Amino acid sequence: MKCRQGDIIEINFHFPDVGFKPHFAIVVSNDELQEIEGYIYVVLISSKQHNPEYSYTLTKEMTSYNFDKQSYVKCQILELSTSRDIIKRVGSIKRTYLLEIQQKIIQSIF
């Protein structure tokens, strides 16, 4: 399944302690890199706010998808995946907020 930067997807996310588990994520890699390399970088979305200093709170007006619970982007948890790991595309995040998330990822990791 082809996706674009800013898409909200459900993906088989790999967790070191439990293996693969379906989770929502935002595609943060740019479309050109995806086309050249065949990989996507995604950031985890969770309803749990562990380590709030690394979390970005999502609100309804930021996305085209309505989450069942309050959700947070876990800016310290990124994954390199391929399109075959995607279960489905559920929506997208507005560009303004995607840029804020990308900055939060940089601050969180580097």
Protein backbone atom coordinates (compact mmCIF):
# COMPACT_ATOMS: atom_id res chain seq x y z
CA MET A 1 0.00 0.00 0.00
CA LYS A 2 1.41 3.36 -1.01
CA CYS A 3 1.32 6.14 1.55
CA ARG A 4 2.36 9.76 1.77
CA GLN A 5 4.04 11.95 4.33
CA GLY A 6 1.45 12.95 6.94
CA ASP A 7 -0.73 9.88 6.47
CA ILE A 8 -2.09 8.23 9.59
CA ILE A 9 -1.83 4.49 9.14
CA GLU A 10 -2.38 1.31 11.07
CA ILE A 11 0.82 -0.70 10.88
CA ASN A 12 2.42 -3.79 12.36
CA PHE A 13 4.74 -1.88 14.69
CA HIS A 14 7.73 -3.77 16.07
CA PHE A 15 8.25 -3.59 19.83
CA PRO A 16 11.47 -5.21 21.11
CA ASP A 17 9.77 -6.76 24.16
CA VAL A 18 6.56 -8.11 22.54
CA GLY A 19 7.25 -8.38 18.81
CA PHE A 20 4.85 -7.00 16.21
CA LYS A 21 1.59 -5.40 17.30
CA PRO A 22 -0.92 -3.37 15.24
CA HIS A 23 -0.70 0.31 16.12
CA PHE A 24 -1.51 3.69 14.64
CA ALA A 25 1.41 5.76 13.36
CA ILE A 26 2.13 8.87 11.31
CA VAL A 27 4.32 8.68 8.21
CA VAL A 28 7.07 11.27 8.78
CA SER A 29 9.47 10.47 5.92
CA ASN A 30 9.12 12.49 2.74
CA ASP A 31 7.56 11.07 -0.39
CA GLU A 32 10.74 11.33 -2.48
CA LEU A 33 12.78 9.30 0.01
CA GLN A 34 10.04 6.67 0.14
CA GLU A 35 10.10 6.41 -3.65
CA ILE A 36 13.90 6.15 -3.86
CA GLU A 37 14.55 3.82 -0.92
CA GLY A 38 11.30 1.87 -0.68
CA TYR A 39 11.11 2.49 3.07
CA ILE A 40 8.96 4.67 5.28
CA TYR A 41 9.73 6.21 8.65
CA VAL A 42 6.78 6.29 11.01
CA VAL A 43 6.25 7.64 14.52
CA LEU A 44 4.06 5.78 17.01
CA ILE A 45 0.66 7.02 18.18
CA SER A 46 -0.53 5.76 21.58
CA SER A 47 -3.36 6.39 24.02
CA LYS A 48 -0.84 6.14 26.87
CA GLN A 49 1.13 9.21 27.85
CA HIS A 50 4.24 7.62 29.32
CA ASN A 51 7.21 10.02 29.21
CA PRO A 52 5.05 13.11 28.56
CA GLU A 53 8.13 15.23 27.83
CA TYR A 54 8.49 13.26 24.56
CA SER A 55 4.77 13.21 23.69
CA TYR A 56 2.78 15.43 21.35
CA THR A 57 -0.92 15.61 22.19
CA LEU A 58 -3.31 15.16 19.26
CA THR A 59 -6.64 16.95 19.10
CA LYS A 60 -9.62 16.38 16.80
CA GLU A 61 -8.95 19.45 14.67
CA MET A 62 -5.40 18.28 13.84
CA THR A 63 -6.36 15.11 11.98
CA SER A 64 -8.93 13.78 9.55
CA TYR A 65 -9.31 10.68 11.75
CA ASN A 66 -11.17 10.62 15.06
CA PHE A 67 -9.39 8.42 17.58
CA ASP A 68 -11.56 6.59 20.13
CA LYS A 69 -9.34 7.79 23.00
CA GLN A 70 -7.12 10.78 23.67
CA SER A 71 -4.00 10.03 21.65
CA TYR A 72 -0.37 11.09 21.74
CA VAL A 73 2.44 10.98 19.23
CA LYS A 74 5.38 9.25 20.94
CA CYS A 75 8.13 11.38 19.39
CA GLN A 76 10.93 9.18 20.72
CA ILE A 77 9.56 5.99 19.10
CA LEU A 78 10.27 5.81 15.37
CA GLU A 79 10.34 2.81 13.08
CA LEU A 80 11.71 2.06 9.64
CA SER A 81 9.11 0.01 7.76
CA THR A 82 7.97 -0.94 4.29
CA SER A 83 4.59 -0.52 2.67
CA ARG A 84 3.87 -4.24 3.12
CA ASP A 85 3.74 -3.66 6.91
CA ILE A 86 0.82 -1.24 6.53
CA ILE A 87 -2.57 -2.66 7.49
CA LYS A 88 -4.59 0.35 6.31
CA ARG A 89 -4.56 4.10 5.86
CA VAL A 90 -7.07 5.79 8.19
CA GLY A 91 -6.51 9.50 7.62
CA SER A 92 -3.95 12.28 7.69
CA ILE A 93 -2.59 15.04 9.89
CA LYS A 94 -2.59 18.68 8.81
CA ARG A 95 0.80 19.88 7.56
CA THR A 96 1.21 22.55 10.26
CA TYR A 97 0.99 19.91 12.98
CA LEU A 98 3.18 17.45 11.07
CA LEU A 99 5.94 20.07 11.02
CA GLU A 100 5.55 20.60 14.78
CA ILE A 101 5.78 16.84 15.33
CA GLN A 102 8.93 16.63 13.20
CA GLN A 103 10.53 19.37 15.34
CA LYS A 104 9.49 17.54 18.52
CA ILE A 105 11.08 14.33 17.16
CA ILE A 106 14.35 16.19 16.56
CA GLN A 107 14.26 17.68 20.08
CA SER A 108 13.35 14.32 21.63
CA ILE A 109 16.02 12.22 19.95
CA PHE A 110 18.86 14.62 19.29
